[in-house]
């Protein structure tokens, strides 16, 4: 199997897996994998699409966030808008992220909300 056909097959597999897990998480509220596992699948798909741009499609899981709201759940407004969500998985990544944000804000205060 050539590199291109192997990449194409893996993109299709990852896309199907991610759509399945999106549905389990966003629609059914019954996730089957951890956020870390999901993020690894997504990063692999993103890298394949960077390496093989011809395989990226408008309906790729990399091109959208979330799913339609679950109808039986109440909508909630955030008191302070969520402007960015980024995952880090260890202390070094967190420090690097904090330094990058502090540099971009040029001395303005930073408020943090984290989920462990």
C-alpha atoms as a PDB file:
ATOM      1  CA  UNK A   1       0.000   0.000   0.000  1.00  0.00           C
ATOM      2  CA  UNK A   2       1.447   3.395  -0.977  1.00  0.00           C
ATOM      3  CA  UNK A   3       1.981   6.209   1.499  1.00  0.00           C
ATOM      4  CA  UNK A   4      -0.865   8.204  -0.071  1.00  0.00           C
ATOM      5  CA  UNK A   5      -3.353   5.322   0.030  1.00  0.00           C
ATOM      6  CA  UNK A   6      -2.266   4.439   3.561  1.00  0.00           C
ATOM      7  CA  UNK A   7      -2.772   8.062   4.622  1.00  0.00           C
ATOM      8  CA  UNK A   8      -6.148   8.165   2.881  1.00  0.00           C
ATOM      9  CA  UNK A   9      -7.298   5.019   4.688  1.00  0.00           C
ATOM     10  CA  UNK A  10      -6.105   6.361   8.044  1.00  0.00           C
ATOM     11  CA  UNK A  11      -7.831   9.729   7.470  1.00  0.00           C
ATOM     12  CA  UNK A  12     -11.088   7.897   6.735  1.00  0.00           C
ATOM     13  CA  UNK A  13     -10.668   5.706   9.821  1.00  0.00           C
ATOM     14  CA  UNK A  14      -9.863   8.638  12.110  1.00  0.00           C
ATOM     15  CA  UNK A  15     -12.724  10.719  10.713  1.00  0.00           C
ATOM     16  CA  UNK A  16     -15.185   7.905  11.364  1.00  0.00           C
ATOM     17  CA  UNK A  17     -13.829   7.340  14.874  1.00  0.00           C
ATOM     18  CA  UNK A  18     -13.958  11.033  15.752  1.00  0.00           C
ATOM     19  CA  UNK A  19     -17.512  11.429  14.440  1.00  0.00           C
ATOM     20  CA  UNK A  20     -18.561   8.413  16.502  1.00  0.00           C
ATOM     21  CA  UNK A  21     -16.967   9.825  19.641  1.00  0.00           C
ATOM     22  CA  UNK A  22     -18.390  13.313  18.950  1.00  0.00           C
ATOM     23  CA  UNK A  23     -21.859  11.778  18.915  1.00  0.00           C
ATOM     24  CA  UNK A  24     -21.219   9.789  22.102  1.00  0.00           C
ATOM     25  CA  UNK A  25     -19.941  12.917  23.873  1.00  0.00           C
ATOM     26  CA  UNK A  26     -22.059  15.778  22.528  1.00  0.00           C
ATOM     27  CA  UNK A  27     -25.363  14.123  21.664  1.00  0.00           C
ATOM     28  CA  UNK A  28     -25.663  11.078  23.891  1.00  0.00           C
ATOM     29  CA  UNK A  29     -23.634  12.487  26.824  1.00  0.00           C
ATOM     30  CA  UNK A  30     -22.017   9.048  27.164  1.00  0.00           C
ATOM     31  CA  UNK A  31     -18.334   9.388  26.301  1.00  0.00           C
ATOM     32  CA  UNK A  32     -16.397   6.161  25.795  1.00  0.00           C
ATOM     33  CA  UNK A  33     -12.851   7.551  25.703  1.00  0.00           C
ATOM     34  CA  UNK A  34     -10.948  10.134  27.722  1.00  0.00           C
ATOM     35  CA  UNK A  35     -10.346  13.677  26.508  1.00  0.00           C
ATOM     36  CA  UNK A  36      -6.661  12.795  26.169  1.00  0.00           C
ATOM     37  CA  UNK A  37      -7.441   9.826  23.895  1.00  0.00           C
ATOM     38  CA  UNK A  38      -9.804  11.973  21.811  1.00  0.00           C
ATOM     39  CA  UNK A  39      -7.213  14.741  21.517  1.00  0.00           C
ATOM     40  CA  UNK A  40      -4.584  12.240  20.343  1.00  0.00           C
ATOM     41  CA  UNK A  41      -6.905  10.999  17.585  1.00  0.00           C
ATOM     42  CA  UNK A  42      -7.680  14.589  16.560  1.00  0.00           C
ATOM     43  CA  UNK A  43      -4.007  15.597  16.520  1.00  0.00           C
ATOM     44  CA  UNK A  44      -3.164  12.589  14.362  1.00  0.00           C
ATOM     45  CA  UNK A  45      -5.893  13.559  11.877  1.00  0.00           C
ATOM     46  CA  UNK A  46      -4.739  17.196  11.877  1.00  0.00           C
ATOM     47  CA  UNK A  47      -1.165  16.115  11.150  1.00  0.00           C
ATOM     48  CA  UNK A  48      -2.253  13.815   8.322  1.00  0.00           C
ATOM     49  CA  UNK A  49      -4.284  16.654   6.796  1.00  0.00           C
ATOM     50  CA  UNK A  50      -1.271  18.982   7.037  1.00  0.00           C
ATOM     51  CA  UNK A  51       0.954  16.351   5.424  1.00  0.00           C
ATOM     52  CA  UNK A  52      -1.658  15.489   2.766  1.00  0.00           C
ATOM     53  CA  UNK A  53      -3.808  18.619   2.202  1.00  0.00           C
ATOM     54  CA  UNK A  54      -5.627  16.881  -0.635  1.00  0.00           C
ATOM     55  CA  UNK A  55      -7.202  14.580   1.982  1.00  0.00           C
ATOM     56  CA  UNK A  56      -8.723  17.422   4.030  1.00  0.00           C
ATOM     57  CA  UNK A  57     -12.441  17.845   3.367  1.00  0.00           C
ATOM     58  CA  UNK A  58     -14.958  20.500   4.451  1.00  0.00           C
ATOM     59  CA  UNK A  59     -16.807  17.902   6.551  1.00  0.00           C
ATOM     60  CA  UNK A  60     -13.674  16.691   8.345  1.00  0.00           C
ATOM     61  CA  UNK A  61     -13.933  16.584  12.148  1.00  0.00           C
ATOM     62  CA  UNK A  62     -11.011  19.032  12.153  1.00  0.00           C
ATOM     63  CA  UNK A  63     -13.233  21.665  10.510  1.00  0.00           C
ATOM     64  CA  UNK A  64     -15.893  21.950  13.190  1.00  0.00           C
ATOM     65  CA  UNK A  65     -16.326  22.161  16.934  1.00  0.00           C
ATOM     66  CA  UNK A  66     -18.895  20.177  18.865  1.00  0.00           C
ATOM     67  CA  UNK A  67     -22.294  19.179  17.641  1.00  0.00           C
ATOM     68  CA  UNK A  68     -25.842  20.441  17.820  1.00  0.00           C
ATOM     69  CA  UNK A  69     -26.983  21.210  21.383  1.00  0.00           C
ATOM     70  CA  UNK A  70     -28.586  18.325  23.230  1.00  0.00           C
ATOM     71  CA  UNK A  71     -32.298  19.258  23.350  1.00  0.00           C
ATOM     72  CA  UNK A  72     -33.010  18.059  26.890  1.00  0.00           C
ATOM     73  CA  UNK A  73     -30.194  20.089  28.474  1.00  0.00           C
ATOM     74  CA  UNK A  74     -30.697  23.664  29.616  1.00  0.00           C
ATOM     75  CA  UNK A  75     -28.627  26.354  27.900  1.00  0.00           C
ATOM     76  CA  UNK A  76     -26.308  28.296  30.197  1.00  0.00           C
ATOM     77  CA  UNK A  77     -24.717  31.686  29.666  1.00  0.00           C
ATOM     78  CA  UNK A  78     -21.147  32.207  30.836  1.00  0.00           C
ATOM     79  CA  UNK A  79     -20.755  35.222  33.098  1.00  0.00           C
ATOM     80  CA  UNK A  80     -17.394  35.838  31.468  1.00  0.00           C
ATOM     81  CA  UNK A  81     -17.158  34.716  27.829  1.00  0.00           C
ATOM     82  CA  UNK A  82     -14.953  31.722  27.092  1.00  0.00           C
ATOM     83  CA  UNK A  83     -12.540  33.142  24.547  1.00  0.00           C
ATOM     84  CA  UNK A  84     -10.141  30.234  24.223  1.00  0.00           C
ATOM     85  CA  UNK A  85      -9.913  26.609  25.157  1.00  0.00           C
ATOM     86  CA  UNK A  86      -6.582  24.867  24.884  1.00  0.00           C
ATOM     87  CA  UNK A  87      -5.499  21.565  26.372  1.00  0.00           C
ATOM     88  CA  UNK A  88      -2.236  20.906  28.154  1.00  0.00           C
ATOM     89  CA  UNK A  89      -1.241  17.586  29.635  1.00  0.00           C
ATOM     90  CA  UNK A  90       1.733  18.259  31.880  1.00  0.00           C
ATOM     91  CA  UNK A  91       3.375  20.988  33.929  1.00  0.00           C
ATOM     92  CA  UNK A  92       5.868  21.976  31.214  1.00  0.00           C
ATOM     93  CA  UNK A  93       3.082  22.493  28.659  1.00  0.00           C
ATOM     94  CA  UNK A  94       1.123  24.546  31.206  1.00  0.00           C
ATOM     95  CA  UNK A  95       4.124  26.772  31.955  1.00  0.00           C
ATOM     96  CA  UNK A  96       4.797  27.302  28.243  1.00  0.00           C
ATOM     97  CA  UNK A  97       1.137  28.134  27.630  1.00  0.00           C
ATOM     98  CA  UNK A  98       1.091  30.596  30.552  1.00  0.00           C
ATOM     99  CA  UNK A  99       4.242  32.316  29.322  1.00  0.00           C
ATOM    100  CA  UNK A 100       2.859  32.604  25.791  1.00  0.00           C
ATOM    101  CA  UNK A 101      -0.429  34.099  26.990  1.00  0.00           C
ATOM    102  CA  UNK A 102       1.306  36.504  29.391  1.00  0.00           C
ATOM    103  CA  UNK A 103       3.525  37.676  26.522  1.00  0.00           C
ATOM    104  CA  UNK A 104       0.539  38.246  24.257  1.00  0.00           C
ATOM    105  CA  UNK A 105      -1.279  40.236  26.950  1.00  0.00           C
ATOM    106  CA  UNK A 106       1.745  42.461  27.579  1.00  0.00           C
ATOM    107  CA  UNK A 107       1.365  42.760  31.336  1.00  0.00           C
ATOM    108  CA  UNK A 108      -2.423  42.630  31.632  1.00  0.00           C
ATOM    109  CA  UNK A 109      -3.784  40.361  34.353  1.00  0.00           C
ATOM    110  CA  UNK A 110      -4.670  36.791  33.481  1.00  0.00           C
ATOM    111  CA  UNK A 111      -7.573  34.840  34.989  1.00  0.00           C
ATOM    112  CA  UNK A 112      -7.446  31.048  34.862  1.00  0.00           C
ATOM    113  CA  UNK A 113     -10.107  28.380  35.001  1.00  0.00           C
ATOM    114  CA  UNK A 114      -8.817  24.819  34.785  1.00  0.00           C
ATOM    115  CA  UNK A 115     -10.312  21.368  34.803  1.00  0.00           C
ATOM    116  CA  UNK A 116      -8.299  18.554  36.325  1.00  0.00           C
END
